[in-house]
């Protein structure tokens, strides 16, 4: 239920992953593909990523390499989807490293195309699996996939802190400080 007193907050698009806003739906769909492939015990041979007709024209979205920087990777729909599928999930470090055989092969075999029927912040991925089958995942309006409450934010933040090698105790201190901001006179973080 929307609260019209806070439209700026409610209209904000939350980026669940540290990739471009346009590629949020791509990463979410790729995670579904990765789960489907794992359940079948197979891997992707090729993918077709379909995106909103307007968003696909955003600079870097169609980049297929070579990738020289983190920003090249985070903007590329082919890289984002291939990284997630090759690793079986989102791995931030992959956006900062060099060659990875499975991912790079999949980037080469990933076609990114426009679909005028897909709404903004949406994508569809069809993966052709090594066993000959195909798996399809659709995310329509990735904003709707992101709940802004502690039940979603807490696990996301924990995952980011863990991946960054930060301690759980430091995370909990930070989280508690944020939760107590409305009533706090002063905030002290022990790290």
C-alpha atoms as a PDB file:
ATOM      1  CA  UNK A   1       0.000   0.000   0.000  1.00  0.00           C
ATOM      2  CA  UNK A   2       1.410   3.363  -1.014  1.00  0.00           C
ATOM      3  CA  UNK A   3       1.618   6.266   1.384  1.00  0.00           C
ATOM      4  CA  UNK A   4       1.273   9.466  -0.642  1.00  0.00           C
ATOM      5  CA  UNK A   5       3.108  11.476   2.010  1.00  0.00           C
ATOM      6  CA  UNK A   6       6.449  10.008   0.916  1.00  0.00           C
ATOM      7  CA  UNK A   7       6.415   9.816  -2.916  1.00  0.00           C
ATOM      8  CA  UNK A   8      10.145  10.507  -3.285  1.00  0.00           C
ATOM      9  CA  UNK A   9      10.967   7.486  -1.145  1.00  0.00           C
ATOM     10  CA  UNK A  10       8.390   5.215  -2.734  1.00  0.00           C
ATOM     11  CA  UNK A  11       9.358   6.138  -6.292  1.00  0.00           C
ATOM     12  CA  UNK A  12      13.044   5.509  -5.628  1.00  0.00           C
ATOM     13  CA  UNK A  13      14.492   2.504  -7.399  1.00  0.00           C
ATOM     14  CA  UNK A  14      16.582   0.419  -5.034  1.00  0.00           C
ATOM     15  CA  UNK A  15      19.615  -1.215  -6.552  1.00  0.00           C
ATOM     16  CA  UNK A  16      19.895  -4.630  -4.945  1.00  0.00           C
ATOM     17  CA  UNK A  17      23.129  -5.378  -6.795  1.00  0.00           C
ATOM     18  CA  UNK A  18      26.112  -3.110  -7.527  1.00  0.00           C
ATOM     19  CA  UNK A  19      25.410  -3.047 -11.264  1.00  0.00           C
ATOM     20  CA  UNK A  20      23.563  -0.505 -13.396  1.00  0.00           C
ATOM     21  CA  UNK A  21      19.933   0.117 -12.531  1.00  0.00           C
ATOM     22  CA  UNK A  22      18.948  -1.236 -15.933  1.00  0.00           C
ATOM     23  CA  UNK A  23      20.799  -4.506 -15.278  1.00  0.00           C
ATOM     24  CA  UNK A  24      19.055  -5.156 -11.939  1.00  0.00           C
ATOM     25  CA  UNK A  25      16.318  -7.122 -13.729  1.00  0.00           C
ATOM     26  CA  UNK A  26      18.990  -8.941 -15.755  1.00  0.00           C
ATOM     27  CA  UNK A  27      20.783 -10.086 -12.596  1.00  0.00           C
ATOM     28  CA  UNK A  28      17.502 -11.151 -10.946  1.00  0.00           C
ATOM     29  CA  UNK A  29      16.491 -13.154 -14.026  1.00  0.00           C
ATOM     30  CA  UNK A  30      19.990 -14.654 -14.310  1.00  0.00           C
ATOM     31  CA  UNK A  31      19.748 -15.838 -10.695  1.00  0.00           C
ATOM     32  CA  UNK A  32      16.545 -17.691 -11.627  1.00  0.00           C
ATOM     33  CA  UNK A  33      18.342 -19.231 -14.606  1.00  0.00           C
ATOM     34  CA  UNK A  34      21.270 -20.288 -12.400  1.00  0.00           C
ATOM     35  CA  UNK A  35      18.900 -21.972  -9.916  1.00  0.00           C
ATOM     36  CA  UNK A  36      17.106 -23.771 -12.752  1.00  0.00           C
ATOM     37  CA  UNK A  37      20.355 -25.012 -14.251  1.00  0.00           C
ATOM     38  CA  UNK A  38      21.598 -26.208 -10.856  1.00  0.00           C
ATOM     39  CA  UNK A  39      18.344 -28.086 -10.255  1.00  0.00           C
ATOM     40  CA  UNK A  40      18.809 -29.881 -13.598  1.00  0.00           C
ATOM     41  CA  UNK A  41      22.505 -30.504 -12.968  1.00  0.00           C
ATOM     42  CA  UNK A  42      23.537 -28.796 -16.197  1.00  0.00           C
ATOM     43  CA  UNK A  43      25.117 -25.554 -17.409  1.00  0.00           C
ATOM     44  CA  UNK A  44      24.206 -22.864 -19.923  1.00  0.00           C
ATOM     45  CA  UNK A  45      25.615 -23.105 -23.434  1.00  0.00           C
ATOM     46  CA  UNK A  46      24.084 -19.857 -24.702  1.00  0.00           C
ATOM     47  CA  UNK A  47      21.619 -17.178 -23.620  1.00  0.00           C
ATOM     48  CA  UNK A  48      19.274 -14.642 -25.110  1.00  0.00           C
ATOM     49  CA  UNK A  49      18.643 -11.588 -22.932  1.00  0.00           C
ATOM     50  CA  UNK A  50      15.595  -9.559 -23.916  1.00  0.00           C
ATOM     51  CA  UNK A  51      15.250  -6.070 -22.468  1.00  0.00           C
ATOM     52  CA  UNK A  52      12.984  -3.055 -22.586  1.00  0.00           C
ATOM     53  CA  UNK A  53      13.341  -1.282 -25.948  1.00  0.00           C
ATOM     54  CA  UNK A  54      14.282   2.073 -24.413  1.00  0.00           C
ATOM     55  CA  UNK A  55      16.660   0.786 -21.742  1.00  0.00           C
ATOM     56  CA  UNK A  56      18.655  -1.376 -24.118  1.00  0.00           C
ATOM     57  CA  UNK A  57      19.875   1.818 -25.818  1.00  0.00           C
ATOM     58  CA  UNK A  58      21.510   3.096 -22.610  1.00  0.00           C
ATOM     59  CA  UNK A  59      25.258   3.471 -23.031  1.00  0.00           C
ATOM     60  CA  UNK A  60      27.181   0.292 -22.219  1.00  0.00           C
ATOM     61  CA  UNK A  61      24.180  -2.049 -22.029  1.00  0.00           C
ATOM     62  CA  UNK A  62      25.102  -3.787 -25.297  1.00  0.00           C
ATOM     63  CA  UNK A  63      28.839  -3.906 -24.549  1.00  0.00           C
ATOM     64  CA  UNK A  64      30.192  -7.391 -25.206  1.00  0.00           C
ATOM     65  CA  UNK A  65      33.807  -6.607 -24.423  1.00  0.00           C
ATOM     66  CA  UNK A  66      36.593  -6.234 -24.194  1.00  0.00           C
ATOM     67  CA  UNK A  67      35.923  -5.110 -20.648  1.00  0.00           C
ATOM     68  CA  UNK A  68      38.563  -2.723 -19.332  1.00  0.00           C
ATOM     69  CA  UNK A  69      36.971  -1.591 -16.090  1.00  0.00           C
ATOM     70  CA  UNK A  70      34.422  -2.296 -13.411  1.00  0.00           C
ATOM     71  CA  UNK A  71      32.065   0.224 -15.039  1.00  0.00           C
ATOM     72  CA  UNK A  72      32.312  -1.594 -18.395  1.00  0.00           C
ATOM     73  CA  UNK A  73      31.192  -4.770 -16.677  1.00  0.00           C
ATOM     74  CA  UNK A  74      28.408  -3.360 -14.493  1.00  0.00           C
ATOM     75  CA  UNK A  75      26.730  -1.725 -17.508  1.00  0.00           C
ATOM     76  CA  UNK A  76      26.880  -4.768 -19.803  1.00  0.00           C
ATOM     77  CA  UNK A  77      23.786  -6.990 -19.875  1.00  0.00           C
ATOM     78  CA  UNK A  78      25.844  -9.814 -21.422  1.00  0.00           C
ATOM     79  CA  UNK A  79      28.495  -9.604 -18.707  1.00  0.00           C
ATOM     80  CA  UNK A  80      26.024  -9.294 -15.814  1.00  0.00           C
ATOM     81  CA  UNK A  81      23.912 -12.250 -16.926  1.00  0.00           C
ATOM     82  CA  UNK A  82      26.907 -14.431 -17.835  1.00  0.00           C
ATOM     83  CA  UNK A  83      28.708 -13.715 -14.573  1.00  0.00           C
ATOM     84  CA  UNK A  84      25.691 -14.720 -12.477  1.00  0.00           C
ATOM     85  CA  UNK A  85      24.959 -17.849 -14.492  1.00  0.00           C
ATOM     86  CA  UNK A  86      28.611 -18.960 -14.690  1.00  0.00           C
ATOM     87  CA  UNK A  87      29.081 -18.566 -10.933  1.00  0.00           C
ATOM     88  CA  UNK A  88      25.663 -19.857  -9.887  1.00  0.00           C
ATOM     89  CA  UNK A  89      24.850 -16.513  -8.249  1.00  0.00           C
ATOM     90  CA  UNK A  90      26.033 -12.945  -7.942  1.00  0.00           C
ATOM     91  CA  UNK A  91      29.729 -12.628  -7.008  1.00  0.00           C
ATOM     92  CA  UNK A  92      30.880  -9.030  -6.717  1.00  0.00           C
ATOM     93  CA  UNK A  93      34.555  -9.958  -7.018  1.00  0.00           C
ATOM     94  CA  UNK A  94      33.954 -11.248 -10.548  1.00  0.00           C
ATOM     95  CA  UNK A  95      33.336  -7.645 -11.627  1.00  0.00           C
ATOM     96  CA  UNK A  96      36.883  -6.750 -10.555  1.00  0.00           C
ATOM     97  CA  UNK A  97      38.859  -9.693 -11.897  1.00  0.00           C
ATOM     98  CA  UNK A  98      40.283 -10.683 -15.231  1.00  0.00           C
ATOM     99  CA  UNK A  99      39.455 -13.609 -17.469  1.00  0.00           C
ATOM    100  CA  UNK A 100      37.170 -16.426 -16.358  1.00  0.00           C
ATOM    101  CA  UNK A 101      36.781 -19.191 -18.949  1.00  0.00           C
ATOM    102  CA  UNK A 102      33.151 -20.214 -18.321  1.00  0.00           C
ATOM    103  CA  UNK A 103      31.905 -16.648 -17.943  1.00  0.00           C
ATOM    104  CA  UNK A 104      33.818 -15.327 -20.952  1.00  0.00           C
ATOM    105  CA  UNK A 105      32.576 -18.172 -23.166  1.00  0.00           C
ATOM    106  CA  UNK A 106      29.019 -17.420 -22.094  1.00  0.00           C
ATOM    107  CA  UNK A 107      29.426 -13.665 -22.742  1.00  0.00           C
ATOM    108  CA  UNK A 108      30.415 -14.555 -26.330  1.00  0.00           C
ATOM    109  CA  UNK A 109      27.313 -16.727 -26.639  1.00  0.00           C
ATOM    110  CA  UNK A 110      24.873 -14.240 -25.125  1.00  0.00           C
ATOM    111  CA  UNK A 111      22.654 -12.269 -27.449  1.00  0.00           C
ATOM    112  CA  UNK A 112      21.069  -9.090 -26.038  1.00  0.00           C
ATOM    113  CA  UNK A 113      17.977  -7.917 -27.893  1.00  0.00           C
ATOM    114  CA  UNK A 114      15.129  -5.447 -27.605  1.00  0.00           C
ATOM    115  CA  UNK A 115      11.544  -6.427 -26.759  1.00  0.00           C
ATOM    116  CA  UNK A 116       9.075  -3.564 -27.166  1.00  0.00           C
ATOM    117  CA  UNK A 117       6.526  -5.411 -25.008  1.00  0.00           C
ATOM    118  CA  UNK A 118       8.729  -5.540 -21.904  1.00  0.00           C
ATOM    119  CA  UNK A 119       8.054  -2.665 -19.497  1.00  0.00           C
ATOM    120  CA  UNK A 120      10.780  -0.525 -17.914  1.00  0.00           C
ATOM    121  CA  UNK A 121      13.149  -2.270 -15.472  1.00  0.00           C
ATOM    122  CA  UNK A 122      12.272  -5.644 -16.991  1.00  0.00           C
ATOM    123  CA  UNK A 123      14.037  -8.456 -18.787  1.00  0.00           C
ATOM    124  CA  UNK A 124      13.602 -11.998 -20.006  1.00  0.00           C
ATOM    125  CA  UNK A 125      16.406 -14.522 -20.307  1.00  0.00           C
ATOM    126  CA  UNK A 126      16.210 -17.748 -22.244  1.00  0.00           C
ATOM    127  CA  UNK A 127      19.127 -20.078 -21.611  1.00  0.00           C
ATOM    128  CA  UNK A 128      19.963 -23.053 -23.790  1.00  0.00           C
ATOM    129  CA  UNK A 129      21.375 -25.730 -21.514  1.00  0.00           C
ATOM    130  CA  UNK A 130      24.118 -28.245 -22.282  1.00  0.00           C
ATOM    131  CA  UNK A 131      21.547 -31.046 -21.988  1.00  0.00           C
ATOM    132  CA  UNK A 132      19.535 -29.533 -24.879  1.00  0.00           C
ATOM    133  CA  UNK A 133      16.744 -28.099 -22.748  1.00  0.00           C
ATOM    134  CA  UNK A 134      15.980 -24.442 -22.263  1.00  0.00           C
ATOM    135  CA  UNK A 135      15.092 -22.391 -19.207  1.00  0.00           C
ATOM    136  CA  UNK A 136      13.277 -19.066 -19.261  1.00  0.00           C
ATOM    137  CA  UNK A 137      13.166 -16.447 -16.527  1.00  0.00           C
ATOM    138  CA  UNK A 138      11.222 -13.191 -16.601  1.00  0.00           C
ATOM    139  CA  UNK A 139      11.475 -10.241 -14.247  1.00  0.00           C
ATOM    140  CA  UNK A 140       8.920  -7.515 -14.866  1.00  0.00           C
ATOM    141  CA  UNK A 141       9.651  -4.243 -13.107  1.00  0.00           C
ATOM    142  CA  UNK A 142      12.620  -5.131 -10.904  1.00  0.00           C
ATOM    143  CA  UNK A 143      11.495  -2.367  -8.522  1.00  0.00           C
ATOM    144  CA  UNK A 144       8.646  -4.676  -7.473  1.00  0.00           C
ATOM    145  CA  UNK A 145      11.178  -7.411  -6.677  1.00  0.00           C
ATOM    146  CA  UNK A 146      12.771  -5.269  -3.983  1.00  0.00           C
ATOM    147  CA  UNK A 147      10.984  -4.948  -0.673  1.00  0.00           C
ATOM    148  CA  UNK A 148      12.251  -2.069   1.424  1.00  0.00           C
ATOM    149  CA  UNK A 149      12.048  -3.433   4.944  1.00  0.00           C
ATOM    150  CA  UNK A 150      14.363  -5.171   7.389  1.00  0.00           C
ATOM    151  CA  UNK A 151      13.298  -8.627   6.200  1.00  0.00           C
ATOM    152  CA  UNK A 152      15.017  -7.953   2.866  1.00  0.00           C
ATOM    153  CA  UNK A 153      17.589  -5.301   3.705  1.00  0.00           C
ATOM    154  CA  UNK A 154      19.135  -7.217   6.601  1.00  0.00           C
ATOM    155  CA  UNK A 155      20.087 -10.322   4.531  1.00  0.00           C
ATOM    156  CA  UNK A 156      21.359  -8.114   1.665  1.00  0.00           C
ATOM    157  CA  UNK A 157      23.522  -6.066   3.977  1.00  0.00           C
ATOM    158  CA  UNK A 158      24.870  -9.164   5.733  1.00  0.00           C
ATOM    159  CA  UNK A 159      25.776 -10.669   2.344  1.00  0.00           C
ATOM    160  CA  UNK A 160      27.575  -7.479   1.282  1.00  0.00           C
ATOM    161  CA  UNK A 161      29.505  -7.239   4.572  1.00  0.00           C
ATOM    162  CA  UNK A 162      30.437 -10.935   4.394  1.00  0.00           C
ATOM    163  CA  UNK A 163      31.601 -10.632   0.792  1.00  0.00           C
ATOM    164  CA  UNK A 164      33.652  -7.557   1.722  1.00  0.00           C
ATOM    165  CA  UNK A 165      35.322  -9.532   4.537  1.00  0.00           C
ATOM    166  CA  UNK A 166      33.823  -7.383   7.297  1.00  0.00           C
ATOM    167  CA  UNK A 167      32.872  -8.842  10.652  1.00  0.00           C
ATOM    168  CA  UNK A 168      29.309  -9.726  11.560  1.00  0.00           C
ATOM    169  CA  UNK A 169      29.720  -7.838  14.849  1.00  0.00           C
ATOM    170  CA  UNK A 170      30.597  -4.639  12.951  1.00  0.00           C
ATOM    171  CA  UNK A 171      27.592  -5.144  10.693  1.00  0.00           C
ATOM    172  CA  UNK A 172      25.281  -5.599  13.661  1.00  0.00           C
ATOM    173  CA  UNK A 173      26.659  -2.440  15.320  1.00  0.00           C
ATOM    174  CA  UNK A 174      26.069  -0.482  12.109  1.00  0.00           C
ATOM    175  CA  UNK A 175      22.578  -1.918  11.645  1.00  0.00           C
ATOM    176  CA  UNK A 176      21.625  -1.130  15.234  1.00  0.00           C
ATOM    177  CA  UNK A 177      22.905   2.436  14.861  1.00  0.00           C
ATOM    178  CA  UNK A 178      20.802   2.899  11.724  1.00  0.00           C
ATOM    179  CA  UNK A 179      17.716   1.399  13.358  1.00  0.00           C
ATOM    180  CA  UNK A 180      18.106   3.734  16.324  1.00  0.00           C
ATOM    181  CA  UNK A 181      18.619   6.919  14.277  1.00  0.00           C
ATOM    182  CA  UNK A 182      15.070   8.222  14.798  1.00  0.00           C
ATOM    183  CA  UNK A 183      15.561   8.346  18.570  1.00  0.00           C
ATOM    184  CA  UNK A 184      19.313   8.893  18.763  1.00  0.00           C
ATOM    185  CA  UNK A 185      20.905  12.104  19.910  1.00  0.00           C
ATOM    186  CA  UNK A 186      24.321  10.885  18.962  1.00  0.00           C
ATOM    187  CA  UNK A 187      25.589   7.863  17.052  1.00  0.00           C
ATOM    188  CA  UNK A 188      28.817   6.061  17.834  1.00  0.00           C
ATOM    189  CA  UNK A 189      30.121   3.184  15.718  1.00  0.00           C
ATOM    190  CA  UNK A 190      32.864   1.061  17.289  1.00  0.00           C
ATOM    191  CA  UNK A 191      34.769   0.552  14.035  1.00  0.00           C
END
